[in-house]
Protein backbone atom coordinates (compact mmCIF):
# COMPACT_ATOMS: atom_id res chain seq x y z
CA MET A 1 -4.50 -0.89 18.67
CA ARG A 2 -1.17 -1.04 20.32
CA PHE A 3 1.31 1.71 21.06
CA CYS A 4 5.08 1.51 21.21
CA PRO A 5 6.32 1.13 24.80
CA LYS A 6 9.41 3.21 23.96
CA ASP A 7 7.92 6.34 22.39
CA GLY A 8 4.11 5.95 22.39
CA THR A 9 3.72 5.88 18.58
CA LEU A 10 0.91 3.77 17.11
CA MET A 11 2.35 0.44 15.94
CA VAL A 12 1.39 -0.84 12.51
CA PRO A 13 1.20 -4.40 11.13
CA TYR A 14 4.20 -5.34 9.02
CA LYS A 15 5.04 -8.60 7.20
CA LYS A 16 8.48 -9.94 8.13
CA ASP A 17 9.58 -13.31 6.72
CA SER A 18 6.00 -14.66 6.46
CA VAL A 19 5.30 -13.61 10.06
CA THR A 20 3.18 -10.58 10.89
CA VAL A 21 4.66 -8.25 13.48
CA LEU A 22 3.64 -4.90 14.90
CA LYS A 23 6.32 -2.34 14.17
CA CYS A 24 6.81 1.19 15.42
CA PRO A 25 7.37 3.39 12.35
CA LYS A 26 9.34 5.87 14.46
CA CYS A 27 11.89 3.80 16.37
CA GLY A 28 11.57 0.35 14.74
CA TYR A 29 10.51 -1.55 17.89
CA GLU A 30 8.82 -4.83 16.88
CA VAL A 31 6.59 -7.36 18.62
CA LYS A 32 5.06 -10.53 17.14
CA LEU A 33 1.36 -10.23 16.37
CA THR A 34 -0.73 -13.03 17.89
CA GLU A 35 -3.48 -14.78 15.90
CA LYS A 36 -6.13 -13.30 18.17
CA ALA A 37 -4.77 -9.78 17.66
CA LYS A 38 -4.57 -10.27 13.87
CA ASP A 39 -8.37 -10.28 13.64
CA ALA A 40 -8.51 -6.86 15.28
CA TYR A 41 -6.22 -5.44 12.58
CA ARG A 42 -8.19 -6.87 9.65
CA GLN A 43 -10.34 -4.42 7.81
CA ARG A 44 -13.12 -5.42 5.49
CA ALA A 45 -15.52 -3.32 3.52
CA GLU A 46 -18.14 -4.27 0.98
CA VAL A 47 -18.74 -2.15 -2.08
CA SER A 48 -22.15 -2.19 -3.71
CA GLU A 49 -22.46 -3.24 -7.35
CA GLU A 50 -23.64 0.24 -8.23
CA LYS A 51 -20.41 1.78 -6.93
CA LYS A 52 -18.21 -0.87 -8.51
CA ARG A 53 -19.45 -0.05 -11.97
CA GLY A 54 -19.51 3.72 -11.61
CA ILE A 55 -17.31 5.64 -14.00
CA MET A 56 -16.20 9.18 -13.45
CA ILE A 57 -15.73 11.39 -16.46
CA ALA A 58 -13.88 14.66 -16.19
CA GLU A 59 -14.17 17.19 -18.94
CA GLU A 60 -12.17 20.31 -19.48
CA LYS A 61 -14.27 23.30 -20.23
CA ARG A 62 -12.50 25.77 -22.45
CA MET A 63 -13.66 29.31 -22.57
CA GLU A 64 -13.80 30.86 -25.98
CA TYR A 65 -12.94 34.54 -26.22
CA ASP A 66 -13.23 36.72 -29.26
CA GLN A 67 -10.36 38.97 -30.32
CA GLU A 68 -11.78 42.03 -28.56
CA GLU A 69 -12.11 40.21 -25.23
CA MET A 70 -8.55 38.87 -25.53
CA GLU A 71 -7.20 42.37 -26.08
CA GLU A 72 -9.08 43.63 -23.01
CA LEU A 73 -7.69 40.77 -20.88
CA ARG A 74 -4.14 41.51 -22.10
CA ARG A 75 -4.58 45.21 -21.31
CA GLN A 76 -5.80 44.41 -17.78
CA LEU A 77 -2.91 42.03 -17.24
CA LEU A 78 -0.36 44.64 -18.31
CA GLU A 79 -1.95 47.25 -16.05
CA ASN A 80 -1.83 44.87 -13.09
CA LEU A 81 1.82 44.05 -13.77
CA GLN A 82 2.73 47.75 -14.02
CA GLU A 83 0.93 48.48 -10.74
CA SER A 84 2.69 45.66 -8.93
CA GLU A 85 6.07 46.88 -10.26
CA ARG A 86 5.34 50.41 -8.99
CA GLU A 87 4.41 49.02 -5.56
CA THR A 88 7.69 47.07 -5.23
CA ASP A 89 9.82 50.12 -6.13
């Protein structure tokens, strides 16, 4: 890792005209990245076959209410709204 000599911000690799440079995202200071330093900035990770083929399924669970429950929920909502109006007055 290398930090900007001007403001101390972490410099990040950036491709500029087929040359890789380290650039400060804050002030724009740039320095050419050497071949030896490039290896330190490479990141490699292997993913197992099991994880590559995993599929995530998200389902929406809908709650079913009967008419009586809906009326009770509406009544509670109206009561809460009336209470909050009284509190703001």
